C-alpha atoms as a PDB file:
ATOM      1  CA  MET A   1      58.070  70.293 -96.975  1.00  0.00           C
ATOM      2  CA  LYS A   2      58.530  66.876 -98.635  1.00  0.00           C
ATOM      3  CA  ARG A   3      60.197  65.592 -95.391  1.00  0.00           C
ATOM      4  CA  ASN A   4      57.144  66.527 -93.390  1.00  0.00           C
ATOM      5  CA  ILE A   5      54.533  64.971 -95.824  1.00  0.00           C
ATOM      6  CA  LEU A   6      56.506  61.792 -95.765  1.00  0.00           C
ATOM      7  CA  PHE A   7      56.374  61.789 -92.026  1.00  0.00           C
ATOM      8  CA  LEU A   8      52.548  62.502 -92.131  1.00  0.00           C
ATOM      9  CA  VAL A   9      52.070  59.706 -94.649  1.00  0.00           C
ATOM     10  CA  LEU A  10      53.923  57.234 -92.561  1.00  0.00           C
ATOM     11  CA  CYS A  11      51.606  58.423 -89.679  1.00  0.00           C
ATOM     12  CA  LEU A  12      48.530  57.601 -91.609  1.00  0.00           C
ATOM     13  CA  LEU A  13      49.654  54.137 -92.578  1.00  0.00           C
ATOM     14  CA  SER A  14      50.937  53.097 -89.166  1.00  0.00           C
ATOM     15  CA  ILE A  15      47.483  53.281 -87.635  1.00  0.00           C
ATOM     16  CA  THR A  16      45.616  51.258 -90.468  1.00  0.00           C
ATOM     17  CA  HIS A  17      45.971  47.591 -89.401  1.00  0.00           C
ATOM     18  CA  CYS A  18      42.741  46.434 -90.615  1.00  0.00           C
ATOM     19  CA  PRO A  19      42.374  42.744 -92.350  1.00  0.00           C
ATOM     20  CA  LEU A  20      41.677  42.043 -95.872  1.00  0.00           C
ATOM     21  CA  SER A  21      38.521  40.039 -95.979  1.00  0.00           C
ATOM     22  CA  SER A  22      35.875  39.024 -98.572  1.00  0.00           C
ATOM     23  CA  TYR A  23      32.062  39.827 -98.198  1.00  0.00           C
ATOM     24  CA  ALA A  24      28.698  38.851 -99.865  1.00  0.00           C
ATOM     25  CA  GLN A  25      25.464  41.069-100.382  1.00  0.00           C
ATOM     26  CA  LYS A  26      23.604  42.100-103.331  1.00  0.00           C
ATOM     27  CA  THR A  27      21.510  45.184-102.427  1.00  0.00           C
ATOM     28  CA  PRO A  28      23.838  48.153-101.384  1.00  0.00           C
ATOM     29  CA  ILE A  29      22.841  49.541 -98.051  1.00  0.00           C
ATOM     30  CA  GLU A  30      22.852  53.395 -97.312  1.00  0.00           C
ATOM     31  CA  LYS A  31      25.875  54.064 -95.162  1.00  0.00           C
ATOM     32  CA  TYR A  32      26.218  57.970 -95.570  1.00  0.00           C
ATOM     33  CA  GLU A  33      25.009  60.609 -98.074  1.00  0.00           C
ATOM     34  CA  ILE A  34      26.867  61.136-101.392  1.00  0.00           C
ATOM     35  CA  ALA A  35      26.756  64.750-102.270  1.00  0.00           C
ATOM     36  CA  PRO A  36      25.478  65.360-105.825  1.00  0.00           C
ATOM     37  CA  PRO A  37      27.989  66.542-108.584  1.00  0.00           C
ATOM     38  CA  LEU A  38      26.602  70.019-108.572  1.00  0.00           C
ATOM     39  CA  PHE A  39      27.351  70.421-104.858  1.00  0.00           C
ATOM     40  CA  GLU A  40      30.819  68.827-105.496  1.00  0.00           C
ATOM     41  CA  HIS A  41      31.600  71.199-108.206  1.00  0.00           C
ATOM     42  CA  THR A  42      30.511  74.167-106.167  1.00  0.00           C
ATOM     43  CA  PHE A  43      32.766  72.937-103.512  1.00  0.00           C
ATOM     44  CA  LEU A  44      35.740  73.032-105.793  1.00  0.00           C
ATOM     45  CA  ASP A  45      34.988  76.587-106.949  1.00  0.00           C
ATOM     46  CA  HIS A  46      34.967  77.709-103.353  1.00  0.00           C
ATOM     47  CA  VAL A  47      38.145  76.166-102.396  1.00  0.00           C
ATOM     48  CA  LYS A  48      40.353  76.514-105.717  1.00  0.00           C
ATOM     49  CA  GLY A  49      42.008  79.573-104.495  1.00  0.00           C
ATOM     50  CA  ASN A  50      42.999  78.008-101.116  1.00  0.00           C
ATOM     51  CA  ALA A  51      46.807  77.080-101.061  1.00  0.00           C
ATOM     52  CA  CYS A  52      48.157  73.749 -99.526  1.00  0.00           C
ATOM     53  CA  ARG A  53      49.715  74.344 -96.197  1.00  0.00           C
ATOM     54  CA  ILE A  54      51.079  72.586 -93.198  1.00  0.00           C
ATOM     55  CA  VAL A  55      49.486  74.002 -90.214  1.00  0.00           C
ATOM     56  CA  ASN A  56      50.309  73.335 -86.559  1.00  0.00           C
ATOM     57  CA  ILE A  57      47.438  73.495 -84.188  1.00  0.00           C
ATOM     58  CA  GLY A  58      48.561  72.961 -80.570  1.00  0.00           C
ATOM     59  CA  PRO A  59      49.612  69.174 -80.490  1.00  0.00           C
ATOM     60  CA  ASN A  60      47.678  68.579 -83.770  1.00  0.00           C
ATOM     61  CA  GLN A  61      48.952  69.105 -87.416  1.00  0.00           C
ATOM     62  CA  TYR A  62      47.235  69.632 -90.644  1.00  0.00           C
ATOM     63  CA  LEU A  63      48.394  69.216 -94.150  1.00  0.00           C
ATOM     64  CA  GLY A  64      46.011  70.738 -96.890  1.00  0.00           C
ATOM     65  CA  GLN A  65      44.133  73.463 -98.210  1.00  0.00           C
ATOM     66  CA  SER A  66      43.526  76.580 -96.063  1.00  0.00           C
ATOM     67  CA  GLY A  67      41.861  79.793 -96.494  1.00  0.00           C
ATOM     68  CA  LYS A  68      42.765  83.299 -95.269  1.00  0.00           C
ATOM     69  CA  ALA A  69      40.684  83.289 -92.283  1.00  0.00           C
ATOM     70  CA  VAL A  70      40.328  79.433 -91.621  1.00  0.00           C
ATOM     71  CA  ASN A  71      43.057  76.943 -91.514  1.00  0.00           C
ATOM     72  CA  LEU A  72      41.114  74.146 -92.657  1.00  0.00           C
ATOM     73  CA  TYR A  73      39.170  74.647 -95.731  1.00  0.00           C
ATOM     74  CA  GLY A  74      39.286  72.429 -98.708  1.00  0.00           C
ATOM     75  CA  TYR A  75      40.854  68.733 -99.011  1.00  0.00           C
ATOM     76  CA  GLY A  76      43.384  67.895 -96.441  1.00  0.00           C
ATOM     77  CA  MET A  77      44.543  65.479 -93.819  1.00  0.00           C
ATOM     78  CA  PHE A  78      44.325  66.396 -89.914  1.00  0.00           C
ATOM     79  CA  ILE A  79      46.483  64.487 -87.405  1.00  0.00           C
ATOM     80  CA  ASN A  80      45.386  64.766 -83.621  1.00  0.00           C
ATOM     81  CA  GLY A  81      47.786  64.636 -80.979  1.00  0.00           C
ATOM     82  CA  ASP A  82      46.429  61.293 -79.745  1.00  0.00           C
ATOM     83  CA  GLY A  83      47.327  59.740 -83.200  1.00  0.00           C
ATOM     84  CA  SER A  84      43.790  59.674 -84.633  1.00  0.00           C
ATOM     85  CA  GLN A  85      43.517  61.058 -88.249  1.00  0.00           C
ATOM     86  CA  ILE A  86      40.973  62.736 -90.448  1.00  0.00           C
ATOM     87  CA  ILE A  87      41.534  62.798 -94.349  1.00  0.00           C
ATOM     88  CA  GLY A  88      39.090  64.294 -96.828  1.00  0.00           C
ATOM     89  CA  GLN A  89      37.163  67.526 -97.244  1.00  0.00           C
ATOM     90  CA  PHE A  90      36.876  70.280 -94.762  1.00  0.00           C
ATOM     91  CA  ARG A  91      34.794  73.429 -94.574  1.00  0.00           C
ATOM     92  CA  GLU A  92      35.340  76.440 -92.299  1.00  0.00           C
ATOM     93  CA  GLY A  93      37.287  74.287 -89.983  1.00  0.00           C
ATOM     94  CA  ARG A  94      35.133  71.229 -89.703  1.00  0.00           C
ATOM     95  CA  PRO A  95      35.141  68.117 -91.459  1.00  0.00           C
ATOM     96  CA  MET A  96      32.654  67.502 -94.296  1.00  0.00           C
ATOM     97  CA  GLN A  97      33.104  64.032 -96.113  1.00  0.00           C
ATOM     98  CA  THR A  98      36.053  62.147 -94.466  1.00  0.00           C
ATOM     99  CA  ILE A  99      37.596  59.038 -93.399  1.00  0.00           C
ATOM    100  CA  THR A 100      38.492  59.181 -89.656  1.00  0.00           C
ATOM    101  CA  LEU A 101      41.053  56.421 -88.507  1.00  0.00           C
ATOM    102  CA  THR A 102      41.511  55.704 -84.759  1.00  0.00           C
ATOM    103  CA  GLN A 103      43.577  52.800 -83.263  1.00  0.00           C
ATOM    104  CA  ASN A 104      40.291  50.673 -83.288  1.00  0.00           C
ATOM    105  CA  ALA A 105      37.843  52.109 -85.678  1.00  0.00           C
ATOM    106  CA  ALA A 106      37.421  53.797 -89.194  1.00  0.00           C
ATOM    107  CA  VAL A 107      34.509  56.171 -89.621  1.00  0.00           C
ATOM    108  CA  VAL A 108      33.487  57.082 -93.114  1.00  0.00           C
ATOM    109  CA  GLY A 109      31.111  59.917 -93.876  1.00  0.00           C
ATOM    110  CA  SER A 110      30.022  63.271 -92.463  1.00  0.00           C
ATOM    111  CA  PRO A 111      29.731  64.162 -88.715  1.00  0.00           C
ATOM    112  CA  ASP A 112      25.846  63.788 -89.054  1.00  0.00           C
ATOM    113  CA  TYR A 113      25.705  60.499 -91.049  1.00  0.00           C
ATOM    114  CA  TYR A 114      28.495  57.945 -91.159  1.00  0.00           C
ATOM    115  CA  ALA A 115      29.313  54.227 -91.053  1.00  0.00           C
ATOM    116  CA  SER A 116      31.645  53.049 -88.391  1.00  0.00           C
ATOM    117  CA  TYR A 117      34.044  50.065 -89.093  1.00  0.00           C
ATOM    118  CA  SER A 118      36.019  47.902 -86.595  1.00  0.00           C
ATOM    119  CA  LEU A 119      39.734  47.665 -87.760  1.00  0.00           C
ATOM    120  CA  THR A 120      40.013  44.485 -86.042  1.00  0.00           C
ATOM    121  CA  THR A 121      37.457  42.663 -88.100  1.00  0.00           C
ATOM    122  CA  GLY A 122      37.034  45.018 -90.990  1.00  0.00           C
ATOM    123  CA  ARG A 123      33.316  44.866 -90.501  1.00  0.00           C
ATOM    124  CA  ILE A 124      30.677  47.705 -90.221  1.00  0.00           C
ATOM    125  CA  GLU A 125      29.711  48.124 -86.516  1.00  0.00           C
ATOM    126  CA  PHE A 126      26.910  50.695 -86.929  1.00  0.00           C
ATOM    127  CA  VAL A 127      25.655  53.487 -88.991  1.00  0.00           C
ATOM    128  CA  TYR A 128      25.015  56.840 -87.382  1.00  0.00           C
ATOM    129  CA  LYS A 129      22.345  59.057 -88.970  1.00  0.00           C
ATOM    130  CA  ARG A 130      21.455  62.310 -87.371  1.00  0.00           C
ATOM    131  CA  GLY A 131      21.428  61.525 -83.716  1.00  0.00           C
ATOM    132  CA  GLU A 132      20.351  57.848 -84.196  1.00  0.00           C
ATOM    133  CA  ARG A 133      22.867  54.920 -84.050  1.00  0.00           C
ATOM    134  CA  THR A 134      21.670  51.948 -85.814  1.00  0.00           C
ATOM    135  CA  VAL A 135      23.165  48.249 -85.650  1.00  0.00           C
ATOM    136  CA  LEU A 136      22.609  46.396 -88.760  1.00  0.00           C
ATOM    137  CA  ASP A 137      21.771  42.740 -89.264  1.00  0.00           C
ATOM    138  CA  ALA A 138      25.184  41.015 -89.657  1.00  0.00           C
ATOM    139  CA  SER A 139      23.934  38.881 -92.399  1.00  0.00           C
ATOM    140  CA  THR A 140      23.356  42.307 -94.594  1.00  0.00           C
ATOM    141  CA  LEU A 141      26.727  43.213 -94.075  1.00  0.00           C
ATOM    142  CA  LEU A 142      28.748  40.417 -95.498  1.00  0.00           C
ATOM    143  CA  ASP A 143      29.739  42.226 -98.568  1.00  0.00           C
ATOM    144  CA  TYR A 144      31.177  45.207 -96.779  1.00  0.00           C
ATOM    145  CA  GLY A 145      34.508  45.771 -95.406  1.00  0.00           C
ATOM    146  CA  PHE A 146      37.247  48.364 -94.534  1.00  0.00           C
ATOM    147  CA  VAL A 147      40.587  46.953 -95.416  1.00  0.00           C
ATOM    148  CA  LYS A 148      44.344  47.552 -96.000  1.00  0.00           C
ATOM    149  CA  ILE A 149      45.765  45.955 -99.358  1.00  0.00           C
ATOM    150  CA  ARG A 150      49.367  45.896-100.208  1.00  0.00           C
ATOM    151  CA  TYR A 151      50.504  45.627-103.696  1.00  0.00           C
ATOM    152  CA  ALA A 152      53.629  44.041-105.325  1.00  0.00           C
ATOM    153  CA  ASN A 153      54.750  47.545-106.490  1.00  0.00           C
ATOM    154  CA  GLY A 154      54.650  48.823-102.971  1.00  0.00           C
ATOM    155  CA  ASP A 155      51.417  50.905-103.264  1.00  0.00           C
ATOM    156  CA  GLN A 156      48.702  50.401-100.628  1.00  0.00           C
ATOM    157  CA  TYR A 157      45.161  50.864-100.345  1.00  0.00           C
ATOM    158  CA  VAL A 158      43.294  51.705 -97.285  1.00  0.00           C
ATOM    159  CA  GLY A 159      39.582  52.087 -97.512  1.00  0.00           C
ATOM    160  CA  GLU A 160      36.123  50.674 -98.252  1.00  0.00           C
ATOM    161  CA  ILE A 161      35.344  47.514-100.324  1.00  0.00           C
ATOM    162  CA  TYR A 162      32.167  46.059-101.559  1.00  0.00           C
ATOM    163  CA  GLN A 163      32.099  42.337-102.793  1.00  0.00           C
ATOM    164  CA  GLN A 164      36.028  42.179-102.603  1.00  0.00           C
ATOM    165  CA  LYS A 165      36.504  45.293-104.920  1.00  0.00           C
ATOM    166  CA  ARG A 166      37.322  48.851-103.862  1.00  0.00           C
ATOM    167  CA  HIS A 167      34.172  50.745-103.509  1.00  0.00           C
ATOM    168  CA  GLY A 168      33.275  53.700-101.360  1.00  0.00           C
ATOM    169  CA  TYR A 169      35.839  56.098-100.083  1.00  0.00           C
ATOM    170  CA  GLY A 170      39.265  55.135 -99.862  1.00  0.00           C
ATOM    171  CA  ILE A 171      43.121  56.434 -99.659  1.00  0.00           C
ATOM    172  CA  TYR A 172      45.648  55.007-102.170  1.00  0.00           C
ATOM    173  CA  TYR A 173      49.176  55.333-101.008  1.00  0.00           C
ATOM    174  CA  TYR A 174      51.853  55.343-103.815  1.00  0.00           C
ATOM    175  CA  ALA A 175      55.276  53.831-103.046  1.00  0.00           C
ATOM    176  CA  ASN A 176      56.827  57.137-103.626  1.00  0.00           C
ATOM    177  CA  GLY A 177      54.834  58.985-100.879  1.00  0.00           C
ATOM    178  CA  ASP A 178      52.071  60.437-102.856  1.00  0.00           C
ATOM    179  CA  PHE A 179      48.679  59.436-102.000  1.00  0.00           C
ATOM    180  CA  TRP A 180      45.098  59.866-103.384  1.00  0.00           C
ATOM    181  CA  PHE A 181      41.809  60.346-101.434  1.00  0.00           C
ATOM    182  CA  GLY A 182      38.359  59.769-103.084  1.00  0.00           C
ATOM    183  CA  GLN A 183      35.460  57.623-104.357  1.00  0.00           C
ATOM    184  CA  TYR A 184      35.784  54.282-105.969  1.00  0.00           C
ATOM    185  CA  ASN A 185      33.157  52.536-107.835  1.00  0.00           C
ATOM    186  CA  ASN A 186      33.607  48.670-108.772  1.00  0.00           C
ATOM    187  CA  ASP A 187      37.405  48.918-108.203  1.00  0.00           C
ATOM    188  CA  ILE A 188      37.792  52.221-110.317  1.00  0.00           C
ATOM    189  CA  ARG A 189      38.225  55.641-109.326  1.00  0.00           C
ATOM    190  CA  SER A 190      34.952  57.361-109.915  1.00  0.00           C
ATOM    191  CA  GLY A 191      34.032  60.453-108.291  1.00  0.00           C
ATOM    192  CA  PHE A 192      35.629  63.649-106.416  1.00  0.00           C
ATOM    193  CA  GLY A 193      38.909  63.462-104.517  1.00  0.00           C
ATOM    194  CA  ALA A 194      42.405  64.836-104.053  1.00  0.00           C
ATOM    195  CA  TYR A 195      45.931  63.699-105.146  1.00  0.00           C
ATOM    196  CA  PHE A 196      48.518  64.790-102.660  1.00  0.00           C
ATOM    197  CA  ARG A 197      52.055  65.014-104.001  1.00  0.00           C
ATOM    198  CA  VAL A 198      54.928  64.433-101.775  1.00  0.00           C
ATOM    199  CA  GLU A 199      57.067  67.529-103.019  1.00  0.00           C
ATOM    200  CA  GLY A 200      54.044  69.777-101.931  1.00  0.00           C
ATOM    201  CA  GLY A 201      50.808  70.809-103.505  1.00  0.00           C
ATOM    202  CA  LEU A 202      47.911  68.831-104.546  1.00  0.00           C
ATOM    203  CA  GLU A 203      45.281  68.295-107.417  1.00  0.00           C
ATOM    204  CA  ILE A 204      41.622  68.296-106.734  1.00  0.00           C
ATOM    205  CA  GLY A 205      38.928  67.319-108.942  1.00  0.00           C
ATOM    206  CA  GLN A 206      36.550  64.684-110.477  1.00  0.00           C
ATOM    207  CA  TRP A 207      38.227  61.341-111.496  1.00  0.00           C
ATOM    208  CA  MET A 208      37.002  58.777-113.880  1.00  0.00           C
ATOM    209  CA  GLY A 209      39.324  55.977-113.480  1.00  0.00           C
ATOM    210  CA  GLU A 210      42.836  57.233-114.182  1.00  0.00           C
ATOM    211  CA  ASP A 211      41.427  60.124-116.330  1.00  0.00           C
ATOM    212  CA  THR A 212      39.925  63.239-114.965  1.00  0.00           C
ATOM    213  CA  LYS A 213      36.831  65.247-115.974  1.00  0.00           C
ATOM    214  CA  ARG A 214      37.890  68.233-114.023  1.00  0.00           C
ATOM    215  CA  LEU A 215      41.264  68.879-112.429  1.00  0.00           C
ATOM    216  CA  LEU A 216      42.492  72.005-110.355  1.00  0.00           C
ATOM    217  CA  TYR A 217      46.286  72.502-109.407  1.00  0.00           C
ATOM    218  CA  ILE A 218      46.779  73.728-105.926  1.00  0.00           C
ATOM    219  CA  LYS A 219      50.085  75.156-105.031  1.00  0.00           C
ATOM    220  CA  SER A 220      51.808  74.784-101.666  1.00  0.00           C
ATOM    221  CA  LYS A 221      52.863  77.751 -99.542  1.00  0.00           C
END
């Protein structure tokens, strides 16, 4: 399973070629909904019994939590046959709050409400909210970006930034093959997410920096 997870991580990294840029706006814009903590804790309660599995679905592959009747239920990553990838929360086989990566774009949010970034410029192209697509004034978006940052120790960050700091949803890849998906606030992990281990299994819960307020260990099968 470790070899399979390493391969999936390399697939995720291969598609993220967005630039690191800096941006400048003071009033945050609404890009997608953030679920309240009560909802997130309820979600954790629902999926805590779902083991971590690698599931092949036709030309696609999924690594993450799955229930007895539904293959995608909990935290996981889904790699489509066309190379696009979805990582985050899934419920009853459908994405909930995720990052979707294609060759040209990164989509952050839910299927009904999300921000779409260009991976060429790292800028927000539009916000989609329940059937309506809105192109925002470029002058209001200068602080926002979707970037790939490489660190000296071999770790990498792929995700949203605000005023040059990790902020919003992101994926932090460790040099050893582990990776973490979740929320950042002012460069610090702050919110709900999942830590995927290269040897199998994952940890889901609520993070405050490098500490956790709630942590559940999910075994692999």
